[in-house]
Amino acid sequence: MVQSAELRRRFLSAFAKELLIVWPILSILVSGQLALGMLVGYLEGWSISDSTYFTFVTGLTIGYGDLVPVRFGTRLIALLIGFSGILLTGLVAAVGVQALQKATERD
């Protein structure tokens, strides 16, 4: 039986290796989300910090509702941010599952 500290070390090592593989995809998704969020913020007249906040709240599908786009076009862009956030979350979860599988493999 693998000790918890050893298992944690194996998991983090495997997670880092897996992240290096999918890093280009992750960075494209996050960059795209931020670019779309800045566009929404520009069109809605929000500050950069509000636009960034809106992007991550929408991308993580939390949606507090304190910043809401009112124009039809910006609402469509918000949908794109939400869908790309679902892809991003799924990709990180898949990397975590893969790392856990590698960490718990029997030698």
PDB file of N, CA and C in Angstrom:
ATOM      1  N   MET A   1       0.840  -1.184   0.000  1.00  0.00           N
ATOM      2  CA  MET A   1       0.000   0.000   0.000  1.00  0.00           C
ATOM      3  C   MET A   1       0.887   1.251   0.000  1.00  0.00           C
ATOM      4  N   VAL A   2       0.583   2.177  -0.867  1.00  0.00           N
ATOM      5  CA  VAL A   2       1.362   3.398  -0.991  1.00  0.00           C
ATOM      6  C   VAL A   2       0.941   4.373   0.105  1.00  0.00           C
ATOM      7  N   GLN A   3       1.918   4.957   0.775  1.00  0.00           N
ATOM      8  CA  GLN A   3       1.629   5.948   1.816  1.00  0.00           C
ATOM      9  C   GLN A   3       1.048   7.202   1.179  1.00  0.00           C
ATOM     10  N   SER A   4       0.272   7.946   1.964  1.00  0.00           N
ATOM     11  CA  SER A   4      -0.424   9.107   1.408  1.00  0.00           C
ATOM     12  C   SER A   4       0.543  10.180   0.914  1.00  0.00           C
ATOM     13  N   ALA A   5       1.645  10.394   1.600  1.00  0.00           N
ATOM     14  CA  ALA A   5       2.611  11.397   1.144  1.00  0.00           C
ATOM     15  C   ALA A   5       3.221  10.982  -0.197  1.00  0.00           C
ATOM     16  N   GLU A   6       3.535   9.690  -0.329  1.00  0.00           N
ATOM     17  CA  GLU A   6       4.090   9.193  -1.589  1.00  0.00           C
ATOM     18  C   GLU A   6       3.058   9.286  -2.708  1.00  0.00           C
ATOM     19  N   LEU A   7       1.815   8.948  -2.391  1.00  0.00           N
ATOM     20  CA  LEU A   7       0.746   9.028  -3.389  1.00  0.00           C
ATOM     21  C   LEU A   7       0.527  10.471  -3.840  1.00  0.00           C
ATOM     22  N   ARG A   8       0.559  11.384  -2.884  1.00  0.00           N
ATOM     23  CA  ARG A   8       0.396  12.807  -3.213  1.00  0.00           C
ATOM     24  C   ARG A   8       1.531  13.287  -4.106  1.00  0.00           C
ATOM     25  N   ARG A   9       2.760  12.867  -3.791  1.00  0.00           N
ATOM     26  CA  ARG A   9       3.910  13.249  -4.610  1.00  0.00           C
ATOM     27  C   ARG A   9       3.786  12.689  -6.023  1.00  0.00           C
ATOM     28  N   ARG A  10       3.384  11.426  -6.126  1.00  0.00           N
ATOM     29  CA  ARG A  10       3.180  10.819  -7.450  1.00  0.00           C
ATOM     30  C   ARG A  10       2.088  11.538  -8.233  1.00  0.00           C
ATOM     31  N   PHE A  11       0.985  11.858  -7.540  1.00  0.00           N
ATOM     32  CA  PHE A  11      -0.119  12.540  -8.211  1.00  0.00           C
ATOM     33  C   PHE A  11       0.319  13.899  -8.735  1.00  0.00           C
ATOM     34  N   LEU A  12       0.970  14.695  -7.889  1.00  0.00           N
ATOM     35  CA  LEU A  12       1.388  16.037  -8.312  1.00  0.00           C
ATOM     36  C   LEU A  12       2.394  15.973  -9.454  1.00  0.00           C
ATOM     37  N   SER A  13       3.276  14.989  -9.403  1.00  0.00           N
ATOM     38  CA  SER A  13       4.247  14.825 -10.485  1.00  0.00           C
ATOM     39  C   SER A  13       3.539  14.455 -11.789  1.00  0.00           C
ATOM     40  N   ALA A  14       2.609  13.514 -11.721  1.00  0.00           N
ATOM     41  CA  ALA A  14       1.868  13.109 -12.923  1.00  0.00           C
ATOM     42  C   ALA A  14       0.980  14.251 -13.416  1.00  0.00           C
ATOM     43  N   PHE A  15       0.383  15.000 -12.496  1.00  0.00           N
ATOM     44  CA  PHE A  15      -0.475  16.128 -12.881  1.00  0.00           C
ATOM     45  C   PHE A  15       0.329  17.181 -13.631  1.00  0.00           C
ATOM     46  N   ALA A  16       1.529  17.486 -13.130  1.00  0.00           N
ATOM     47  CA  ALA A  16       2.385  18.473 -13.798  1.00  0.00           C
ATOM     48  C   ALA A  16       2.779  17.995 -15.195  1.00  0.00           C
ATOM     49  N   LYS A  17       3.113  16.704 -15.321  1.00  0.00           N
ATOM     50  CA  LYS A  17       3.486  16.169 -16.637  1.00  0.00           C
ATOM     51  C   LYS A  17       2.317  16.232 -17.616  1.00  0.00           C
ATOM     52  N   GLU A  18       1.129  15.904 -17.128  1.00  0.00           N
ATOM     53  CA  GLU A  18      -0.064  15.953 -17.992  1.00  0.00           C
ATOM     54  C   GLU A  18      -0.396  17.391 -18.381  1.00  0.00           C
ATOM     55  N   LEU A  19      -0.222  18.327 -17.448  1.00  0.00           N
ATOM     56  CA  LEU A  19      -0.482  19.735 -17.767  1.00  0.00           C
ATOM     57  C   LEU A  19       0.450  20.246 -18.857  1.00  0.00           C
ATOM     58  N   LEU A  20       1.686  19.781 -18.835  1.00  0.00           N
ATOM     59  CA  LEU A  20       2.621  20.191 -19.887  1.00  0.00           C
ATOM     60  C   LEU A  20       2.150  19.740 -21.266  1.00  0.00           C
ATOM     61  N   ILE A  21       1.468  18.620 -21.316  1.00  0.00           N
ATOM     62  CA  ILE A  21       0.967  18.105 -22.592  1.00  0.00           C
ATOM     63  C   ILE A  21      -0.189  18.950 -23.105  1.00  0.00           C
ATOM     64  N   VAL A  22      -1.125  19.302 -22.220  1.00  0.00           N
ATOM     65  CA  VAL A  22      -2.328  20.021 -22.650  1.00  0.00           C
ATOM     66  C   VAL A  22      -2.211  21.539 -22.474  1.00  0.00           C
ATOM     67  N   TRP A  23      -1.029  22.016 -22.047  1.00  0.00           N
ATOM     68  CA  TRP A  23      -0.863  23.444 -21.806  1.00  0.00           C
ATOM     69  C   TRP A  23      -1.239  24.323 -23.003  1.00  0.00           C
ATOM     70  N   PRO A  24      -0.877  23.986 -24.240  1.00  0.00           N
ATOM     71  CA  PRO A  24      -1.288  24.847 -25.356  1.00  0.00           C
ATOM     72  C   PRO A  24      -2.812  24.989 -25.462  1.00  0.00           C
ATOM     73  N   ILE A  25      -3.529  23.909 -25.244  1.00  0.00           N
ATOM     74  CA  ILE A  25      -4.990  23.968 -25.323  1.00  0.00           C
ATOM     75  C   ILE A  25      -5.544  24.803 -24.178  1.00  0.00           C
ATOM     76  N   LEU A  26      -5.027  24.590 -22.972  1.00  0.00           N
ATOM     77  CA  LEU A  26      -5.480  25.363 -21.815  1.00  0.00           C
ATOM     78  C   LEU A  26      -5.230  26.853 -22.012  1.00  0.00           C
ATOM     79  N   SER A  27      -4.052  27.187 -22.500  1.00  0.00           N
ATOM     80  CA  SER A  27      -3.730  28.606 -22.670  1.00  0.00           C
ATOM     81  C   SER A  27      -4.582  29.250 -23.763  1.00  0.00           C
ATOM     82  N   ILE A  28      -4.896  28.506 -24.811  1.00  0.00           N
ATOM     83  CA  ILE A  28      -5.774  29.046 -25.858  1.00  0.00           C
ATOM     84  C   ILE A  28      -7.178  29.282 -25.306  1.00  0.00           C
ATOM     85  N   LEU A  29      -7.682  28.332 -24.518  1.00  0.00           N
ATOM     86  CA  LEU A  29      -9.023  28.503 -23.937  1.00  0.00           C
ATOM     87  C   LEU A  29      -9.084  29.693 -22.985  1.00  0.00           C
ATOM     88  N   VAL A  30      -8.098  29.810 -22.104  1.00  0.00           N
ATOM     89  CA  VAL A  30      -8.097  30.923 -21.140  1.00  0.00           C
ATOM     90  C   VAL A  30      -7.900  32.257 -21.856  1.00  0.00           C
ATOM     91  N   SER A  31      -6.984  32.297 -22.818  1.00  0.00           N
ATOM     92  CA  SER A  31      -6.753  33.537 -23.572  1.00  0.00           C
ATOM     93  C   SER A  31      -7.992  33.939 -24.364  1.00  0.00           C
ATOM     94  N   GLY A  32      -8.631  32.952 -24.967  1.00  0.00           N
ATOM     95  CA  GLY A  32      -9.857  33.236 -25.716  1.00  0.00           C
ATOM     96  C   GLY A  32     -10.963  33.752 -24.821  1.00  0.00           C
ATOM     97  N   GLN A  33     -11.094  33.142 -23.643  1.00  0.00           N
ATOM     98  CA  GLN A  33     -12.094  33.615 -22.688  1.00  0.00           C
ATOM     99  C   GLN A  33     -11.819  35.062 -22.288  1.00  0.00           C
ATOM    100  N   LEU A  34     -10.567  35.347 -21.965  1.00  0.00           N
ATOM    101  CA  LEU A  34     -10.229  36.712 -21.553  1.00  0.00           C
ATOM    102  C   LEU A  34     -10.460  37.717 -22.680  1.00  0.00           C
ATOM    103  N   ALA A  35     -10.100  37.347 -23.898  1.00  0.00           N
ATOM    104  CA  ALA A  35     -10.318  38.252 -25.033  1.00  0.00           C
ATOM    105  C   ALA A  35     -11.811  38.522 -25.230  1.00  0.00           C
ATOM    106  N   LEU A  36     -12.615  37.456 -25.163  1.00  0.00           N
ATOM    107  CA  LEU A  36     -14.060  37.644 -25.303  1.00  0.00           C
ATOM    108  C   LEU A  36     -14.629  38.446 -24.145  1.00  0.00           C
ATOM    109  N   GLY A  37     -14.115  38.207 -22.943  1.00  0.00           N
ATOM    110  CA  GLY A  37     -14.569  38.967 -21.777  1.00  0.00           C
ATOM    111  C   GLY A  37     -14.232  40.450 -21.891  1.00  0.00           C
ATOM    112  N   MET A  38     -13.044  40.748 -22.416  1.00  0.00           N
ATOM    113  CA  MET A  38     -12.666  42.148 -22.604  1.00  0.00           C
ATOM    114  C   MET A  38     -13.547  42.807 -23.671  1.00  0.00           C
ATOM    115  N   LEU A  39     -13.906  42.034 -24.692  1.00  0.00           N
ATOM    116  CA  LEU A  39     -14.808  42.560 -25.717  1.00  0.00           C
ATOM    117  C   LEU A  39     -16.176  42.870 -25.123  1.00  0.00           C
ATOM    118  N   VAL A  40     -16.695  41.959 -24.312  1.00  0.00           N
ATOM    119  CA  VAL A  40     -17.978  42.199 -23.644  1.00  0.00           C
ATOM    120  C   VAL A  40     -17.876  43.436 -22.767  1.00  0.00           C
ATOM    121  N   GLY A  41     -16.795  43.521 -21.995  1.00  0.00           N
ATOM    122  CA  GLY A  41     -16.608  44.672 -21.116  1.00  0.00           C
ATOM    123  C   GLY A  41     -16.514  45.983 -21.876  1.00  0.00           C
ATOM    124  N   TYR A  42     -15.817  45.965 -23.001  1.00  0.00           N
ATOM    125  CA  TYR A  42     -15.699  47.167 -23.820  1.00  0.00           C
ATOM    126  C   TYR A  42     -17.063  47.591 -24.358  1.00  0.00           C
ATOM    127  N   LEU A  43     -17.805  46.633 -24.884  1.00  0.00           N
ATOM    128  CA  LEU A  43     -19.113  46.944 -25.463  1.00  0.00           C
ATOM    129  C   LEU A  43     -20.136  47.358 -24.404  1.00  0.00           C
ATOM    130  N   GLU A  44     -19.988  46.849 -23.188  1.00  0.00           N
ATOM    131  CA  GLU A  44     -20.917  47.175 -22.108  1.00  0.00           C
ATOM    132  C   GLU A  44     -20.456  48.378 -21.285  1.00  0.00           C
ATOM    133  N   GLY A  45     -19.234  48.829 -21.519  1.00  0.00           N
ATOM    134  CA  GLY A  45     -18.718  49.983 -20.785  1.00  0.00           C
ATOM    135  C   GLY A  45     -18.225  49.647 -19.376  1.00  0.00           C
ATOM    136  N   TRP A  46     -17.732  48.424 -19.184  1.00  0.00           N
ATOM    137  CA  TRP A  46     -17.224  48.007 -17.881  1.00  0.00           C
ATOM    138  C   TRP A  46     -15.724  48.266 -17.788  1.00  0.00           C
ATOM    139  N   SER A  47     -15.211  48.284 -16.571  1.00  0.00           N
ATOM    140  CA  SER A  47     -13.771  48.425 -16.365  1.00  0.00           C
ATOM    141  C   SER A  47     -13.077  47.098 -16.693  1.00  0.00           C
ATOM    142  N   ILE A  48     -11.764  47.161 -16.782  1.00  0.00           N
ATOM    143  CA  ILE A  48     -10.997  45.948 -17.080  1.00  0.00           C
ATOM    144  C   ILE A  48     -11.156  44.930 -15.955  1.00  0.00           C
ATOM    145  N   SER A  49     -11.135  45.393 -14.711  1.00  0.00           N
ATOM    146  CA  SER A  49     -11.280  44.454 -13.595  1.00  0.00           C
ATOM    147  C   SER A  49     -12.669  43.828 -13.582  1.00  0.00           C
ATOM    148  N   ASP A  50     -13.703  44.607 -13.883  1.00  0.00           N
ATOM    149  CA  ASP A  50     -15.054  44.044 -13.967  1.00  0.00           C
ATOM    150  C   ASP A  50     -15.162  43.047 -15.117  1.00  0.00           C
ATOM    151  N   SER A  51     -14.517  43.362 -16.220  1.00  0.00           N
ATOM    152  CA  SER A  51     -14.544  42.456 -17.374  1.00  0.00           C
ATOM    153  C   SER A  51     -13.844  41.138 -17.065  1.00  0.00           C
ATOM    154  N   THR A  52     -12.705  41.219 -16.378  1.00  0.00           N
ATOM    155  CA  THR A  52     -11.978  40.009 -15.997  1.00  0.00           C
ATOM    156  C   THR A  52     -12.801  39.181 -15.018  1.00  0.00           C
ATOM    157  N   TYR A  53     -13.380  39.849 -14.040  1.00  0.00           N
ATOM    158  CA  TYR A  53     -14.238  39.176 -13.058  1.00  0.00           C
ATOM    159  C   TYR A  53     -15.411  38.487 -13.757  1.00  0.00           C
ATOM    160  N   PHE A  54     -16.069  39.203 -14.652  1.00  0.00           N
ATOM    161  CA  PHE A  54     -17.194  38.649 -15.398  1.00  0.00           C
ATOM    162  C   PHE A  54     -16.767  37.420 -16.196  1.00  0.00           C
ATOM    163  N   THR A  55     -15.586  37.497 -16.815  1.00  0.00           N
ATOM    164  CA  THR A  55     -15.090  36.388 -17.624  1.00  0.00           C
ATOM    165  C   THR A  55     -14.931  35.120 -16.800  1.00  0.00           C
ATOM    166  N   PHE A  56     -14.296  35.230 -15.641  1.00  0.00           N
ATOM    167  CA  PHE A  56     -14.051  34.029 -14.847  1.00  0.00           C
ATOM    168  C   PHE A  56     -15.311  33.528 -14.153  1.00  0.00           C
ATOM    169  N   VAL A  57     -16.183  34.429 -13.727  1.00  0.00           N
ATOM    170  CA  VAL A  57     -17.442  33.990 -13.119  1.00  0.00           C
ATOM    171  C   VAL A  57     -18.315  33.290 -14.165  1.00  0.00           C
ATOM    172  N   THR A  58     -18.325  33.798 -15.372  1.00  0.00           N
ATOM    173  CA  THR A  58     -19.099  33.179 -16.440  1.00  0.00           C
ATOM    174  C   THR A  58     -18.426  31.896 -16.929  1.00  0.00           C
ATOM    175  N   GLY A  59     -17.103  31.933 -17.095  1.00  0.00           N
ATOM    176  CA  GLY A  59     -16.374  30.761 -17.582  1.00  0.00           C
ATOM    177  C   GLY A  59     -16.436  29.590 -16.616  1.00  0.00           C
ATOM    178  N   LEU A  60     -16.491  29.878 -15.338  1.00  0.00           N
ATOM    179  CA  LEU A  60     -16.612  28.806 -14.353  1.00  0.00           C
ATOM    180  C   LEU A  60     -18.065  28.426 -14.115  1.00  0.00           C
ATOM    181  N   THR A  61     -18.955  29.008 -14.876  1.00  0.00           N
ATOM    182  CA  THR A  61     -20.414  28.783 -14.834  1.00  0.00           C
ATOM    183  C   THR A  61     -20.993  29.024 -13.449  1.00  0.00           C
ATOM    184  N   ILE A  62     -20.439  30.003 -12.741  1.00  0.00           N
ATOM    185  CA  ILE A  62     -20.974  30.394 -11.442  1.00  0.00           C
ATOM    186  C   ILE A  62     -22.133  31.354 -11.650  1.00  0.00           C
ATOM    187  N   GLY A  63     -21.887  32.440 -12.383  1.00  0.00           N
ATOM    188  CA  GLY A  63     -22.929  33.386 -12.752  1.00  0.00           C
ATOM    189  C   GLY A  63     -23.648  34.031 -11.583  1.00  0.00           C
ATOM    190  N   TYR A  64     -22.951  34.874 -10.827  1.00  0.00           N
ATOM    191  CA  TYR A  64     -23.575  35.552  -9.694  1.00  0.00           C
ATOM    192  C   TYR A  64     -24.703  36.496 -10.111  1.00  0.00           C
ATOM    193  N   GLY A  65     -24.596  37.076 -11.285  1.00  0.00           N
ATOM    194  CA  GLY A  65     -25.638  37.977 -11.758  1.00  0.00           C
ATOM    195  C   GLY A  65     -25.419  39.432 -11.402  1.00  0.00           C
ATOM    196  N   ASP A  66     -24.274  39.760 -10.818  1.00  0.00           N
ATOM    197  CA  ASP A  66     -24.009  41.149 -10.486  1.00  0.00           C
ATOM    198  C   ASP A  66     -23.545  41.954 -11.697  1.00  0.00           C
ATOM    199  N   LEU A  67     -22.956  41.306 -12.676  1.00  0.00           N
ATOM    200  CA  LEU A  67     -22.627  41.926 -13.955  1.00  0.00           C
ATOM    201  C   LEU A  67     -23.350  41.134 -15.038  1.00  0.00           C
ATOM    202  N   VAL A  68     -24.245  41.804 -15.736  1.00  0.00           N
ATOM    203  CA  VAL A  68     -25.061  41.123 -16.738  1.00  0.00           C
ATOM    204  C   VAL A  68     -25.000  41.914 -18.041  1.00  0.00           C
ATOM    205  N   PRO A  69     -24.596  41.279 -19.139  1.00  0.00           N
ATOM    206  CA  PRO A  69     -24.630  41.975 -20.425  1.00  0.00           C
ATOM    207  C   PRO A  69     -26.084  42.218 -20.854  1.00  0.00           C
ATOM    208  N   VAL A  70     -26.341  43.402 -21.379  1.00  0.00           N
ATOM    209  CA  VAL A  70     -27.719  43.739 -21.753  1.00  0.00           C
ATOM    210  C   VAL A  70     -27.950  43.681 -23.258  1.00  0.00           C
ATOM    211  N   ARG A  71     -26.905  43.756 -24.035  1.00  0.00           N
ATOM    212  CA  ARG A  71     -27.047  43.714 -25.496  1.00  0.00           C
ATOM    213  C   ARG A  71     -27.110  42.271 -25.980  1.00  0.00           C
ATOM    214  N   PHE A  72     -27.798  42.073 -27.071  1.00  0.00           N
ATOM    215  CA  PHE A  72     -27.950  40.723 -27.632  1.00  0.00           C
ATOM    216  C   PHE A  72     -26.600  40.130 -28.018  1.00  0.00           C
ATOM    217  N   GLY A  73     -25.764  40.929 -28.680  1.00  0.00           N
ATOM    218  CA  GLY A  73     -24.453  40.437 -29.121  1.00  0.00           C
ATOM    219  C   GLY A  73     -23.554  40.056 -27.966  1.00  0.00           C
ATOM    220  N   THR A  74     -23.564  40.863 -26.918  1.00  0.00           N
ATOM    221  CA  THR A  74     -22.716  40.547 -25.773  1.00  0.00           C
ATOM    222  C   THR A  74     -23.250  39.342 -24.996  1.00  0.00           C
ATOM    223  N   ARG A  75     -24.533  39.119 -25.047  1.00  0.00           N
ATOM    224  CA  ARG A  75     -25.089  37.910 -24.427  1.00  0.00           C
ATOM    225  C   ARG A  75     -24.651  36.659 -25.183  1.00  0.00           C
ATOM    226  N   LEU A  76     -24.592  36.756 -26.498  1.00  0.00           N
ATOM    227  CA  LEU A  76     -24.099  35.629 -27.294  1.00  0.00           C
ATOM    228  C   LEU A  76     -22.625  35.347 -26.995  1.00  0.00           C
ATOM    229  N   ILE A  77     -21.854  36.414 -26.842  1.00  0.00           N
ATOM    230  CA  ILE A  77     -20.443  36.249 -26.503  1.00  0.00           C
ATOM    231  C   ILE A  77     -20.315  35.599 -25.124  1.00  0.00           C
ATOM    232  N   ALA A  78     -21.192  35.991 -24.193  1.00  0.00           N
ATOM    233  CA  ALA A  78     -21.178  35.382 -22.860  1.00  0.00           C
ATOM    234  C   ALA A  78     -21.464  33.887 -22.942  1.00  0.00           C
ATOM    235  N   LEU A  79     -22.318  33.476 -23.861  1.00  0.00           N
ATOM    236  CA  LEU A  79     -22.553  32.044 -24.068  1.00  0.00           C
ATOM    237  C   LEU A  79     -21.278  31.336 -24.519  1.00  0.00           C
ATOM    238  N   LEU A  80     -20.534  31.965 -25.410  1.00  0.00           N
ATOM    239  CA  LEU A  80     -19.264  31.380 -25.868  1.00  0.00           C
ATOM    240  C   LEU A  80     -18.277  31.250 -24.709  1.00  0.00           C
ATOM    241  N   ILE A  81     -18.240  32.258 -23.844  1.00  0.00           N
ATOM    242  CA  ILE A  81     -17.366  32.190 -22.671  1.00  0.00           C
ATOM    243  C   ILE A  81     -17.781  31.026 -21.783  1.00  0.00           C
ATOM    244  N   GLY A  82     -19.077  30.854 -21.573  1.00  0.00           N
ATOM    245  CA  GLY A  82     -19.573  29.763 -20.743  1.00  0.00           C
ATOM    246  C   GLY A  82     -19.245  28.398 -21.324  1.00  0.00           C
ATOM    247  N   PHE A  83     -19.450  28.224 -22.617  1.00  0.00           N
ATOM    248  CA  PHE A  83     -19.146  26.941 -23.258  1.00  0.00           C
ATOM    249  C   PHE A  83     -17.644  26.631 -23.216  1.00  0.00           C
ATOM    250  N   SER A  84     -16.815  27.640 -23.447  1.00  0.00           N
ATOM    251  CA  SER A  84     -15.374  27.395 -23.377  1.00  0.00           C
ATOM    252  C   SER A  84     -14.952  27.108 -21.934  1.00  0.00           C
ATOM    253  N   GLY A  85     -15.661  27.681 -20.967  1.00  0.00           N
ATOM    254  CA  GLY A  85     -15.386  27.376 -19.564  1.00  0.00           C
ATOM    255  C   GLY A  85     -15.712  25.935 -19.218  1.00  0.00           C
ATOM    256  N   ILE A  86     -16.778  25.417 -19.809  1.00  0.00           N
ATOM    257  CA  ILE A  86     -17.122  24.007 -19.601  1.00  0.00           C
ATOM    258  C   ILE A  86     -16.026  23.121 -20.191  1.00  0.00           C
ATOM    259  N   LEU A  87     -15.528  23.468 -21.364  1.00  0.00           N
ATOM    260  CA  LEU A  87     -14.423  22.713 -21.964  1.00  0.00           C
ATOM    261  C   LEU A  87     -13.176  22.774 -21.089  1.00  0.00           C
ATOM    262  N   LEU A  88     -12.880  23.952 -20.576  1.00  0.00           N
ATOM    263  CA  LEU A  88     -11.708  24.132 -19.725  1.00  0.00           C
ATOM    264  C   LEU A  88     -11.820  23.305 -18.445  1.00  0.00           C
ATOM    265  N   THR A  89     -12.968  23.350 -17.804  1.00  0.00           N
ATOM    266  CA  THR A  89     -13.192  22.579 -16.581  1.00  0.00           C
ATOM    267  C   THR A  89     -13.087  21.082 -16.861  1.00  0.00           C
ATOM    268  N   GLY A  90     -13.676  20.631 -17.948  1.00  0.00           N
ATOM    269  CA  GLY A  90     -13.603  19.224 -18.313  1.00  0.00           C
ATOM    270  C   GLY A  90     -12.184  18.772 -18.604  1.00  0.00           C
ATOM    271  N   LEU A  91     -11.421  19.630 -19.253  1.00  0.00           N
ATOM    272  CA  LEU A  91     -10.037  19.297 -19.577  1.00  0.00           C
ATOM    273  C   LEU A  91      -9.194  19.178 -18.310  1.00  0.00           C
ATOM    274  N   VAL A  92      -9.363  20.101 -17.373  1.00  0.00           N
ATOM    275  CA  VAL A  92      -8.615  20.032 -16.118  1.00  0.00           C
ATOM    276  C   VAL A  92      -9.033  18.797 -15.318  1.00  0.00           C
ATOM    277  N   ALA A  93     -10.316  18.484 -15.317  1.00  0.00           N
ATOM    278  CA  ALA A  93     -10.782  17.277 -14.620  1.00  0.00           C
ATOM    279  C   ALA A  93     -10.200  16.020 -15.259  1.00  0.00           C
ATOM    280  N   ALA A  94     -10.154  15.977 -16.585  1.00  0.00           N
ATOM    281  CA  ALA A  94      -9.589  14.819 -17.280  1.00  0.00           C
ATOM    282  C   ALA A  94      -8.106  14.664 -16.964  1.00  0.00           C
ATOM    283  N   VAL A  95      -7.390  15.767 -16.892  1.00  0.00           N
ATOM    284  CA  VAL A  95      -5.973  15.723 -16.535  1.00  0.00           C
ATOM    285  C   VAL A  95      -5.818  15.182 -15.114  1.00  0.00           C
ATOM    286  N   GLY A  96      -6.686  15.617 -14.209  1.00  0.00           N
ATOM    287  CA  GLY A  96      -6.641  15.123 -12.836  1.00  0.00           C
ATOM    288  C   GLY A  96      -6.917  13.636 -12.735  1.00  0.00           C
ATOM    289  N   VAL A  97      -7.891  13.156 -13.478  1.00  0.00           N
ATOM    290  CA  VAL A  97      -8.208  11.721 -13.480  1.00  0.00           C
ATOM    291  C   VAL A  97      -7.040  10.928 -14.045  1.00  0.00           C
ATOM    292  N   GLN A  98      -6.475  11.400 -15.135  1.00  0.00           N
ATOM    293  CA  GLN A  98      -5.335  10.705 -15.748  1.00  0.00           C
ATOM    294  C   GLN A  98      -4.150  10.668 -14.782  1.00  0.00           C
ATOM    295  N   ALA A  99      -3.908  11.773 -14.099  1.00  0.00           N
ATOM    296  CA  ALA A  99      -2.798  11.825 -13.139  1.00  0.00           C
ATOM    297  C   ALA A  99      -3.056  10.883 -11.969  1.00  0.00           C
ATOM    298  N   LEU A 100      -4.286  10.801 -11.512  1.00  0.00           N
ATOM    299  CA  LEU A 100      -4.614   9.893 -10.413  1.00  0.00           C
ATOM    300  C   LEU A 100      -4.446   8.441 -10.838  1.00  0.00           C
ATOM    301  N   GLN A 101      -4.829   8.128 -12.071  1.00  0.00           N
ATOM    302  CA  GLN A 101      -4.630   6.768 -12.569  1.00  0.00           C
ATOM    303  C   GLN A 101      -3.146   6.414 -12.617  1.00  0.00           C
ATOM    304  N   LYS A 102      -2.339   7.340 -13.096  1.00  0.00           N
ATOM    305  CA  LYS A 102      -0.895   7.068 -13.166  1.00  0.00           C
ATOM    306  C   LYS A 102      -0.273   6.976 -11.782  1.00  0.00           C
ATOM    307  N   ALA A 103      -0.767   7.787 -10.851  1.00  0.00           N
ATOM    308  CA  ALA A 103      -0.209   7.779  -9.499  1.00  0.00           C
ATOM    309  C   ALA A 103      -0.547   6.494  -8.750  1.00  0.00           C
ATOM    310  N   THR A 104      -1.653   5.885  -9.087  1.00  0.00           N
ATOM    311  CA  THR A 104      -2.073   4.676  -8.352  1.00  0.00           C
ATOM    312  C   THR A 104      -1.783   3.387  -9.094  1.00  0.00           C
ATOM    313  N   GLU A 105      -1.082   3.473 -10.226  1.00  0.00           N
ATOM    314  CA  GLU A 105      -0.698   2.266 -10.955  1.00  0.00           C
ATOM    315  C   GLU A 105       0.219   1.423 -10.091  1.00  0.00           C
ATOM    316  N   ARG A 106       0.070   0.134 -10.229  1.00  0.00           N
ATOM    317  CA  ARG A 106       0.976  -0.778  -9.511  1.00  0.00           C
ATOM    318  C   ARG A 106       2.230  -0.954 -10.353  1.00  0.00           C
ATOM    319  N   ASP A 107       3.342  -0.922  -9.682  1.00  0.00           N
ATOM    320  CA  ASP A 107       4.632  -1.047 -10.398  1.00  0.00           C
ATOM    321  C   ASP A 107       4.875  -2.441 -10.885  1.00  0.00           C
TER     322      ASP A 107
END
